Amino acid sequence: CESVISIHGEKTKDEEFIMIGGLDKKLGEKIGRIIAGSGFFLKEPPENLKGENPANVCNLGTSGAGVQLELSKKLRDELLSNEKLMGKFTSLIKQAMAK
């Protein structure tokens, strides 16, 4: 596939957020705008979670650049227990990929 979006788990249990990384900055920014505009909180990833290594799974598509989404433990738990929120999240990612 040309572009990969990988979803990873981050360990924070007391805060809901998403950190966006990867080498496809344009798609990452688009995803960020769409999900932040829908009520999800974005946080800047620390250096070790930026997903900028070319060998990172998110960057292994044919384009050589993809997006990594780091979801906090608290957000993952909320997504798993709230079907409506999970549907909203997946719809937003699909929307970002389609544009």
PDB file of N, CA and C in Angstrom:
ATOM      1  N   CYS A   1       0.845  -1.168   0.000  1.00  0.00           N
ATOM      2  CA  CYS A   1       0.000   0.000   0.000  1.00  0.00           C
ATOM      3  C   CYS A   1       0.895   1.238   0.000  1.00  0.00           C
ATOM      4  N   GLU A   2       0.343   2.322  -0.488  1.00  0.00           N
ATOM      5  CA  GLU A   2       1.125   3.548  -0.631  1.00  0.00           C
ATOM      6  C   GLU A   2       1.419   4.221   0.704  1.00  0.00           C
ATOM      7  N   SER A   3       0.389   4.379   1.518  1.00  0.00           N
ATOM      8  CA  SER A   3       0.544   5.093   2.779  1.00  0.00           C
ATOM      9  C   SER A   3      -0.016   4.260   3.931  1.00  0.00           C
ATOM     10  N   VAL A   4       0.680   4.279   5.058  1.00  0.00           N
ATOM     11  CA  VAL A   4       0.280   3.504   6.233  1.00  0.00           C
ATOM     12  C   VAL A   4      -0.081   4.467   7.366  1.00  0.00           C
ATOM     13  N   ILE A   5      -1.185   4.169   8.041  1.00  0.00           N
ATOM     14  CA  ILE A   5      -1.523   4.858   9.285  1.00  0.00           C
ATOM     15  C   ILE A   5      -1.498   3.791  10.371  1.00  0.00           C
ATOM     16  N   SER A   6      -0.568   3.931  11.304  1.00  0.00           N
ATOM     17  CA  SER A   6      -0.476   2.952  12.389  1.00  0.00           C
ATOM     18  C   SER A   6      -1.013   3.573  13.678  1.00  0.00           C
ATOM     19  N   ILE A   7      -1.668   2.740  14.475  1.00  0.00           N
ATOM     20  CA  ILE A   7      -2.211   3.193  15.750  1.00  0.00           C
ATOM     21  C   ILE A   7      -1.475   2.454  16.860  1.00  0.00           C
ATOM     22  N   HIS A   8      -0.892   3.230  17.756  1.00  0.00           N
ATOM     23  CA  HIS A   8      -0.091   2.692  18.851  1.00  0.00           C
ATOM     24  C   HIS A   8      -0.713   3.086  20.180  1.00  0.00           C
ATOM     25  N   GLY A   9      -0.368   2.350  21.210  1.00  0.00           N
ATOM     26  CA  GLY A   9      -0.853   2.650  22.550  1.00  0.00           C
ATOM     27  C   GLY A   9       0.202   3.356  23.381  1.00  0.00           C
ATOM     28  N   GLU A  10      -0.187   4.492  23.961  1.00  0.00           N
ATOM     29  CA  GLU A  10       0.665   5.249  24.872  1.00  0.00           C
ATOM     30  C   GLU A  10       0.150   4.997  26.285  1.00  0.00           C
ATOM     31  N   LYS A  11       1.005   5.033  27.307  1.00  0.00           N
ATOM     32  CA  LYS A  11       0.679   4.500  28.630  1.00  0.00           C
ATOM     33  C   LYS A  11      -0.082   5.416  29.593  1.00  0.00           C
ATOM     34  N   THR A  12      -0.296   6.673  29.265  1.00  0.00           N
ATOM     35  CA  THR A  12      -0.942   7.607  30.197  1.00  0.00           C
ATOM     36  C   THR A  12      -2.367   7.176  30.523  1.00  0.00           C
ATOM     37  N   LYS A  13      -2.651   7.028  31.820  1.00  0.00           N
ATOM     38  CA  LYS A  13      -3.949   6.515  32.264  1.00  0.00           C
ATOM     39  C   LYS A  13      -4.900   7.601  32.759  1.00  0.00           C
ATOM     40  N   ASP A  14      -4.411   8.824  32.966  1.00  0.00           N
ATOM     41  CA  ASP A  14      -5.255   9.856  33.565  1.00  0.00           C
ATOM     42  C   ASP A  14      -5.587  11.017  32.626  1.00  0.00           C
ATOM     43  N   GLU A  15      -5.323  10.852  31.342  1.00  0.00           N
ATOM     44  CA  GLU A  15      -5.551  11.927  30.379  1.00  0.00           C
ATOM     45  C   GLU A  15      -5.868  11.312  29.016  1.00  0.00           C
ATOM     46  N   GLU A  16      -6.870  11.857  28.326  1.00  0.00           N
ATOM     47  CA  GLU A  16      -7.213  11.387  26.982  1.00  0.00           C
ATOM     48  C   GLU A  16      -6.557  12.297  25.951  1.00  0.00           C
ATOM     49  N   PHE A  17      -5.719  11.720  25.087  1.00  0.00           N
ATOM     50  CA  PHE A  17      -5.087  12.515  24.039  1.00  0.00           C
ATOM     51  C   PHE A  17      -4.571  11.622  22.917  1.00  0.00           C
ATOM     52  N   ILE A  18      -4.243  12.285  21.814  1.00  0.00           N
ATOM     53  CA  ILE A  18      -3.654  11.636  20.645  1.00  0.00           C
ATOM     54  C   ILE A  18      -2.389  12.409  20.287  1.00  0.00           C
ATOM     55  N   MET A  19      -1.310  11.685  20.008  1.00  0.00           N
ATOM     56  CA  MET A  19      -0.083  12.296  19.509  1.00  0.00           C
ATOM     57  C   MET A  19       0.110  11.803  18.075  1.00  0.00           C
ATOM     58  N   ILE A  20       0.426  12.724  17.190  1.00  0.00           N
ATOM     59  CA  ILE A  20       0.563  12.383  15.776  1.00  0.00           C
ATOM     60  C   ILE A  20       2.019  12.498  15.360  1.00  0.00           C
ATOM     61  N   GLY A  21       2.519  11.435  14.729  1.00  0.00           N
ATOM     62  CA  GLY A  21       3.885  11.423  14.240  1.00  0.00           C
ATOM     63  C   GLY A  21       3.944  10.767  12.872  1.00  0.00           C
ATOM     64  N   GLY A  22       5.147  10.398  12.473  1.00  0.00           N
ATOM     65  CA  GLY A  22       5.355   9.785  11.162  1.00  0.00           C
ATOM     66  C   GLY A  22       5.983  10.768  10.195  1.00  0.00           C
ATOM     67  N   LEU A  23       6.387  10.262   9.051  1.00  0.00           N
ATOM     68  CA  LEU A  23       7.074  11.094   8.063  1.00  0.00           C
ATOM     69  C   LEU A  23       6.141  11.797   7.083  1.00  0.00           C
ATOM     70  N   ASP A  24       4.884  11.395   7.013  1.00  0.00           N
ATOM     71  CA  ASP A  24       3.933  12.074   6.122  1.00  0.00           C
ATOM     72  C   ASP A  24       3.317  13.248   6.879  1.00  0.00           C
ATOM     73  N   LYS A  25       4.038  14.358   6.891  1.00  0.00           N
ATOM     74  CA  LYS A  25       3.620  15.531   7.663  1.00  0.00           C
ATOM     75  C   LYS A  25       2.309  16.106   7.139  1.00  0.00           C
ATOM     76  N   LYS A  26       2.124  16.112   5.837  1.00  0.00           N
ATOM     77  CA  LYS A  26       0.904  16.684   5.255  1.00  0.00           C
ATOM     78  C   LYS A  26      -0.337  15.908   5.719  1.00  0.00           C
ATOM     79  N   LEU A  27      -0.304  14.585   5.610  1.00  0.00           N
ATOM     80  CA  LEU A  27      -1.443  13.777   6.050  1.00  0.00           C
ATOM     81  C   LEU A  27      -1.597  13.851   7.565  1.00  0.00           C
ATOM     82  N   GLY A  28      -0.496  13.864   8.296  1.00  0.00           N
ATOM     83  CA  GLY A  28      -0.557  13.984   9.749  1.00  0.00           C
ATOM     84  C   GLY A  28      -1.229  15.281  10.181  1.00  0.00           C
ATOM     85  N   GLU A  29      -0.886  16.375   9.508  1.00  0.00           N
ATOM     86  CA  GLU A  29      -1.508  17.663   9.824  1.00  0.00           C
ATOM     87  C   GLU A  29      -2.990  17.650   9.483  1.00  0.00           C
ATOM     88  N   LYS A  30      -3.344  17.023   8.372  1.00  0.00           N
ATOM     89  CA  LYS A  30      -4.755  16.937   7.983  1.00  0.00           C
ATOM     90  C   LYS A  30      -5.551  16.133   9.011  1.00  0.00           C
ATOM     91  N   ILE A  31      -5.014  14.991   9.408  1.00  0.00           N
ATOM     92  CA  ILE A  31      -5.676  14.181  10.438  1.00  0.00           C
ATOM     93  C   ILE A  31      -5.806  15.000  11.721  1.00  0.00           C
ATOM     94  N   GLY A  32      -4.751  15.704  12.091  1.00  0.00           N
ATOM     95  CA  GLY A  32      -4.776  16.528  13.295  1.00  0.00           C
ATOM     96  C   GLY A  32      -5.858  17.589  13.260  1.00  0.00           C
ATOM     97  N   ARG A  33      -5.978  18.286  12.143  1.00  0.00           N
ATOM     98  CA  ARG A  33      -7.018  19.321  12.016  1.00  0.00           C
ATOM     99  C   ARG A  33      -8.405  18.727  12.156  1.00  0.00           C
ATOM    100  N   ILE A  34      -8.624  17.601  11.499  1.00  0.00           N
ATOM    101  CA  ILE A  34      -9.954  16.982  11.508  1.00  0.00           C
ATOM    102  C   ILE A  34     -10.307  16.450  12.890  1.00  0.00           C
ATOM    103  N   ILE A  35      -9.405  15.747  13.537  1.00  0.00           N
ATOM    104  CA  ILE A  35      -9.763  15.168  14.836  1.00  0.00           C
ATOM    105  C   ILE A  35      -9.788  16.220  15.945  1.00  0.00           C
ATOM    106  N   ALA A  36      -8.908  17.220  15.878  1.00  0.00           N
ATOM    107  CA  ALA A  36      -8.936  18.281  16.898  1.00  0.00           C
ATOM    108  C   ALA A  36     -10.217  19.103  16.765  1.00  0.00           C
ATOM    109  N   GLY A  37     -10.675  19.299  15.537  1.00  0.00           N
ATOM    110  CA  GLY A  37     -11.903  20.046  15.307  1.00  0.00           C
ATOM    111  C   GLY A  37     -13.149  19.297  15.737  1.00  0.00           C
ATOM    112  N   SER A  38     -12.991  18.047  16.108  1.00  0.00           N
ATOM    113  CA  SER A  38     -14.128  17.222  16.540  1.00  0.00           C
ATOM    114  C   SER A  38     -14.059  16.872  18.023  1.00  0.00           C
ATOM    115  N   GLY A  39     -13.218  17.568  18.758  1.00  0.00           N
ATOM    116  CA  GLY A  39     -13.209  17.405  20.203  1.00  0.00           C
ATOM    117  C   GLY A  39     -12.135  16.512  20.793  1.00  0.00           C
ATOM    118  N   PHE A  40     -11.303  15.913  19.977  1.00  0.00           N
ATOM    119  CA  PHE A  40     -10.205  15.104  20.508  1.00  0.00           C
ATOM    120  C   PHE A  40      -9.020  16.023  20.820  1.00  0.00           C
ATOM    121  N   PHE A  41      -8.327  15.748  21.918  1.00  0.00           N
ATOM    122  CA  PHE A  41      -7.203  16.574  22.343  1.00  0.00           C
ATOM    123  C   PHE A  41      -5.906  16.036  21.742  1.00  0.00           C
ATOM    124  N   LEU A  42      -5.148  16.927  21.112  1.00  0.00           N
ATOM    125  CA  LEU A  42      -3.852  16.563  20.539  1.00  0.00           C
ATOM    126  C   LEU A  42      -2.733  17.035  21.450  1.00  0.00           C
ATOM    127  N   LYS A  43      -1.696  16.245  21.468  1.00  0.00           N
ATOM    128  CA  LYS A  43      -0.515  16.555  22.267  1.00  0.00           C
ATOM    129  C   LYS A  43       0.706  16.310  21.388  1.00  0.00           C
ATOM    130  N   GLU A  44       1.724  17.131  21.536  1.00  0.00           N
ATOM    131  CA  GLU A  44       2.966  16.963  20.774  1.00  0.00           C
ATOM    132  C   GLU A  44       3.708  15.727  21.288  1.00  0.00           C
ATOM    133  N   PRO A  45       4.134  14.831  20.393  1.00  0.00           N
ATOM    134  CA  PRO A  45       4.842  13.634  20.863  1.00  0.00           C
ATOM    135  C   PRO A  45       6.273  13.955  21.296  1.00  0.00           C
ATOM    136  N   PRO A  46       6.765  13.241  22.309  1.00  0.00           N
ATOM    137  CA  PRO A  46       8.182  13.392  22.654  1.00  0.00           C
ATOM    138  C   PRO A  46       9.028  12.776  21.536  1.00  0.00           C
ATOM    139  N   GLU A  47      10.285  13.064  21.556  1.00  0.00           N
ATOM    140  CA  GLU A  47      11.200  12.612  20.499  1.00  0.00           C
ATOM    141  C   GLU A  47      11.091  11.113  20.220  1.00  0.00           C
ATOM    142  N   ASN A  48      10.977  10.296  21.271  1.00  0.00           N
ATOM    143  CA  ASN A  48      10.972   8.839  21.084  1.00  0.00           C
ATOM    144  C   ASN A  48       9.643   8.298  20.550  1.00  0.00           C
ATOM    145  N   LEU A  49       8.629   9.143  20.413  1.00  0.00           N
ATOM    146  CA  LEU A  49       7.336   8.687  19.883  1.00  0.00           C
ATOM    147  C   LEU A  49       6.930   9.426  18.611  1.00  0.00           C
ATOM    148  N   LYS A  50       7.888  10.061  17.948  1.00  0.00           N
ATOM    149  CA  LYS A  50       7.571  10.835  16.743  1.00  0.00           C
ATOM    150  C   LYS A  50       7.387   9.983  15.492  1.00  0.00           C
ATOM    151  N   GLY A  51       7.824   8.738  15.508  1.00  0.00           N
ATOM    152  CA  GLY A  51       7.629   7.869  14.350  1.00  0.00           C
ATOM    153  C   GLY A  51       8.366   8.319  13.105  1.00  0.00           C
ATOM    154  N   GLU A  52       9.523   8.938  13.276  1.00  0.00           N
ATOM    155  CA  GLU A  52      10.254   9.489  12.134  1.00  0.00           C
ATOM    156  C   GLU A  52      11.361   8.582  11.605  1.00  0.00           C
ATOM    157  N   ASN A  53      11.557   7.431  12.205  1.00  0.00           N
ATOM    158  CA  ASN A  53      12.543   6.482  11.704  1.00  0.00           C
ATOM    159  C   ASN A  53      11.978   5.837  10.435  1.00  0.00           C
ATOM    160  N   PRO A  54      12.728   5.831   9.341  1.00  0.00           N
ATOM    161  CA  PRO A  54      12.230   5.213   8.107  1.00  0.00           C
ATOM    162  C   PRO A  54      11.841   3.745   8.275  1.00  0.00           C
ATOM    163  N   ALA A  55      12.400   3.060   9.296  1.00  0.00           N
ATOM    164  CA  ALA A  55      12.073   1.651   9.535  1.00  0.00           C
ATOM    165  C   ALA A  55      10.815   1.481  10.391  1.00  0.00           C
ATOM    166  N   ASN A  56      10.246   2.582  10.876  1.00  0.00           N
ATOM    167  CA  ASN A  56       9.008   2.506  11.658  1.00  0.00           C
ATOM    168  C   ASN A  56       7.900   1.962  10.767  1.00  0.00           C
ATOM    169  N   VAL A  57       7.040   1.123  11.311  1.00  0.00           N
ATOM    170  CA  VAL A  57       5.986   0.470  10.529  1.00  0.00           C
ATOM    171  C   VAL A  57       5.127   1.481   9.766  1.00  0.00           C
ATOM    172  N   CYS A  58       4.913   2.662  10.331  1.00  0.00           N
ATOM    173  CA  CYS A  58       4.068   3.641   9.637  1.00  0.00           C
ATOM    174  C   CYS A  58       4.732   4.180   8.374  1.00  0.00           C
ATOM    175  N   ASN A  59       6.034   4.038   8.255  1.00  0.00           N
ATOM    176  CA  ASN A  59       6.758   4.566   7.097  1.00  0.00           C
ATOM    177  C   ASN A  59       7.158   3.488   6.093  1.00  0.00           C
ATOM    178  N   LEU A  60       6.554   2.318   6.189  1.00  0.00           N
ATOM    179  CA  LEU A  60       6.954   1.207   5.321  1.00  0.00           C
ATOM    180  C   LEU A  60       6.079   1.031   4.084  1.00  0.00           C
ATOM    181  N   GLY A  61       5.136   1.942   3.851  1.00  0.00           N
ATOM    182  CA  GLY A  61       4.356   1.889   2.614  1.00  0.00           C
ATOM    183  C   GLY A  61       5.247   2.267   1.440  1.00  0.00           C
ATOM    184  N   THR A  62       4.736   2.134   0.237  1.00  0.00           N
ATOM    185  CA  THR A  62       5.553   2.418  -0.944  1.00  0.00           C
ATOM    186  C   THR A  62       5.988   3.879  -1.028  1.00  0.00           C
ATOM    187  N   SER A  63       5.249   4.793  -0.398  1.00  0.00           N
ATOM    188  CA  SER A  63       5.633   6.210  -0.410  1.00  0.00           C
ATOM    189  C   SER A  63       6.817   6.478   0.521  1.00  0.00           C
ATOM    190  N   GLY A  64       7.071   5.576   1.481  1.00  0.00           N
ATOM    191  CA  GLY A  64       8.148   5.769   2.445  1.00  0.00           C
ATOM    192  C   GLY A  64       7.810   6.734   3.568  1.00  0.00           C
ATOM    193  N   ALA A  65       6.556   7.175   3.598  1.00  0.00           N
ATOM    194  CA  ALA A  65       6.120   8.121   4.632  1.00  0.00           C
ATOM    195  C   ALA A  65       4.687   7.807   5.023  1.00  0.00           C
ATOM    196  N   GLY A  66       4.454   7.711   6.316  1.00  0.00           N
ATOM    197  CA  GLY A  66       3.105   7.435   6.806  1.00  0.00           C
ATOM    198  C   GLY A  66       2.834   8.219   8.070  1.00  0.00           C
ATOM    199  N   VAL A  67       1.768   7.853   8.765  1.00  0.00           N
ATOM    200  CA  VAL A  67       1.345   8.566   9.969  1.00  0.00           C
ATOM    201  C   VAL A  67       1.243   7.580  11.130  1.00  0.00           C
ATOM    202  N   GLN A  68       1.724   8.009  12.278  1.00  0.00           N
ATOM    203  CA  GLN A  68       1.627   7.222  13.505  1.00  0.00           C
ATOM    204  C   GLN A  68       0.724   7.969  14.475  1.00  0.00           C
ATOM    205  N   LEU A  69      -0.289   7.282  14.979  1.00  0.00           N
ATOM    206  CA  LEU A  69      -1.176   7.854  15.987  1.00  0.00           C
ATOM    207  C   LEU A  69      -0.920   7.146  17.303  1.00  0.00           C
ATOM    208  N   GLU A  70      -0.506   7.894  18.309  1.00  0.00           N
ATOM    209  CA  GLU A  70      -0.291   7.364  19.659  1.00  0.00           C
ATOM    210  C   GLU A  70      -1.503   7.756  20.486  1.00  0.00           C
ATOM    211  N   LEU A  71      -2.281   6.777  20.927  1.00  0.00           N
ATOM    212  CA  LEU A  71      -3.473   7.028  21.735  1.00  0.00           C
ATOM    213  C   LEU A  71      -3.170   6.694  23.192  1.00  0.00           C
ATOM    214  N   SER A  72      -3.485   7.640  24.081  1.00  0.00           N
ATOM    215  CA  SER A  72      -3.249   7.389  25.507  1.00  0.00           C
ATOM    216  C   SER A  72      -4.110   6.222  25.980  1.00  0.00           C
ATOM    217  N   LYS A  73      -3.670   5.580  27.043  1.00  0.00           N
ATOM    218  CA  LYS A  73      -4.405   4.446  27.623  1.00  0.00           C
ATOM    219  C   LYS A  73      -5.830   4.856  27.996  1.00  0.00           C
ATOM    220  N   LYS A  74      -5.973   6.029  28.579  1.00  0.00           N
ATOM    221  CA  LYS A  74      -7.306   6.492  28.982  1.00  0.00           C
ATOM    222  C   LYS A  74      -8.212   6.658  27.765  1.00  0.00           C
ATOM    223  N   LEU A  75      -7.697   7.212  26.672  1.00  0.00           N
ATOM    224  CA  LEU A  75      -8.510   7.365  25.460  1.00  0.00           C
ATOM    225  C   LEU A  75      -8.851   6.002  24.871  1.00  0.00           C
ATOM    226  N   ARG A  76      -7.892   5.086  24.830  1.00  0.00           N
ATOM    227  CA  ARG A  76      -8.171   3.748  24.300  1.00  0.00           C
ATOM    228  C   ARG A  76      -9.265   3.063  25.107  1.00  0.00           C
ATOM    229  N   ASP A  77      -9.191   3.180  26.431  1.00  0.00           N
ATOM    230  CA  ASP A  77     -10.229   2.584  27.277  1.00  0.00           C
ATOM    231  C   ASP A  77     -11.591   3.193  26.975  1.00  0.00           C
ATOM    232  N   GLU A  78     -11.630   4.505  26.781  1.00  0.00           N
ATOM    233  CA  GLU A  78     -12.892   5.185  26.477  1.00  0.00           C
ATOM    234  C   GLU A  78     -13.427   4.751  25.109  1.00  0.00           C
ATOM    235  N   LEU A  79     -12.557   4.632  24.127  1.00  0.00           N
ATOM    236  CA  LEU A  79     -12.988   4.191  22.795  1.00  0.00           C
ATOM    237  C   LEU A  79     -13.565   2.778  22.849  1.00  0.00           C
ATOM    238  N   LEU A  80     -12.933   1.908  23.631  1.00  0.00           N
ATOM    239  CA  LEU A  80     -13.400   0.522  23.730  1.00  0.00           C
ATOM    240  C   LEU A  80     -14.729   0.395  24.468  1.00  0.00           C
ATOM    241  N   SER A  81     -14.997   1.314  25.374  1.00  0.00           N
ATOM    242  CA  SER A  81     -16.239   1.229  26.148  1.00  0.00           C
ATOM    243  C   SER A  81     -17.363   2.096  25.588  1.00  0.00           C
ATOM    244  N   ASN A  82     -17.057   2.902  24.579  1.00  0.00           N
ATOM    245  CA  ASN A  82     -18.039   3.830  24.026  1.00  0.00           C
ATOM    246  C   ASN A  82     -18.110   3.641  22.511  1.00  0.00           C
ATOM    247  N   GLU A  83     -19.050   2.830  22.077  1.00  0.00           N
ATOM    248  CA  GLU A  83     -19.169   2.491  20.658  1.00  0.00           C
ATOM    249  C   GLU A  83     -19.391   3.727  19.783  1.00  0.00           C
ATOM    250  N   LYS A  84     -20.150   4.676  20.281  1.00  0.00           N
ATOM    251  CA  LYS A  84     -20.426   5.895  19.512  1.00  0.00           C
ATOM    252  C   LYS A  84     -19.141   6.705  19.297  1.00  0.00           C
ATOM    253  N   LEU A  85     -18.339   6.832  20.349  1.00  0.00           N
ATOM    254  CA  LEU A  85     -17.077   7.557  20.239  1.00  0.00           C
ATOM    255  C   LEU A  85     -16.115   6.833  19.303  1.00  0.00           C
ATOM    256  N   MET A  86     -16.063   5.509  19.386  1.00  0.00           N
ATOM    257  CA  MET A  86     -15.210   4.725  18.486  1.00  0.00           C
ATOM    258  C   MET A  86     -15.638   4.934  17.036  1.00  0.00           C
ATOM    259  N   GLY A  87     -16.935   4.941  16.787  1.00  0.00           N
ATOM    260  CA  GLY A  87     -17.439   5.191  15.440  1.00  0.00           C
ATOM    261  C   GLY A  87     -17.051   6.567  14.941  1.00  0.00           C
ATOM    262  N   LYS A  88     -17.135   7.551  15.808  1.00  0.00           N
ATOM    263  CA  LYS A  88     -16.753   8.923  15.453  1.00  0.00           C
ATOM    264  C   LYS A  88     -15.266   8.978  15.101  1.00  0.00           C
ATOM    265  N   PHE A  89     -14.435   8.351  15.933  1.00  0.00           N
ATOM    266  CA  PHE A  89     -12.989   8.360  15.710  1.00  0.00           C
ATOM    267  C   PHE A  89     -12.634   7.709  14.374  1.00  0.00           C
ATOM    268  N   THR A  90     -13.175   6.531  14.121  1.00  0.00           N
ATOM    269  CA  THR A  90     -12.845   5.836  12.868  1.00  0.00           C
ATOM    270  C   THR A  90     -13.368   6.605  11.659  1.00  0.00           C
ATOM    271  N   SER A  91     -14.528   7.217  11.783  1.00  0.00           N
ATOM    272  CA  SER A  91     -15.072   8.021  10.682  1.00  0.00           C
ATOM    273  C   SER A  91     -14.173   9.213  10.371  1.00  0.00           C
ATOM    274  N   LEU A  92     -13.633   9.832  11.403  1.00  0.00           N
ATOM    275  CA  LEU A  92     -12.750  10.979  11.200  1.00  0.00           C
ATOM    276  C   LEU A  92     -11.462  10.572  10.492  1.00  0.00           C
ATOM    277  N   ILE A  93     -10.904   9.424  10.854  1.00  0.00           N
ATOM    278  CA  ILE A  93      -9.686   8.954  10.187  1.00  0.00           C
ATOM    279  C   ILE A  93      -9.987   8.642   8.719  1.00  0.00           C
ATOM    280  N   LYS A  94     -11.103   7.984   8.463  1.00  0.00           N
ATOM    281  CA  LYS A  94     -11.495   7.695   7.076  1.00  0.00           C
ATOM    282  C   LYS A  94     -11.688   8.981   6.290  1.00  0.00           C
ATOM    283  N   GLN A  95     -12.300   9.964   6.919  1.00  0.00           N
ATOM    284  CA  GLN A  95     -12.534  11.259   6.276  1.00  0.00           C
ATOM    285  C   GLN A  95     -11.206  11.909   5.885  1.00  0.00           C
ATOM    286  N   ALA A  96     -10.245  11.880   6.777  1.00  0.00           N
ATOM    287  CA  ALA A  96      -8.939  12.475   6.494  1.00  0.00           C
ATOM    288  C   ALA A  96      -8.237  11.757   5.348  1.00  0.00           C
ATOM    289  N   MET A  97      -8.397  10.454   5.269  1.00  0.00           N
ATOM    290  CA  MET A  97      -7.751   9.681   4.208  1.00  0.00           C
ATOM    291  C   MET A  97      -8.412   9.915   2.857  1.00  0.00           C
ATOM    292  N   ALA A  98      -9.696  10.225   2.856  1.00  0.00           N
ATOM    293  CA  ALA A  98     -10.446  10.357   1.609  1.00  0.00           C
ATOM    294  C   ALA A  98     -10.230  11.689   0.907  1.00  0.00           C
ATOM    295  N   LYS A  99      -9.850  12.695   1.632  1.00  0.00           N
ATOM    296  CA  LYS A  99      -9.739  14.042   1.039  1.00  0.00           C
ATOM    297  C   LYS A  99      -8.459  14.224   0.276  1.00  0.00           C
TER     298      LYS A  99
END
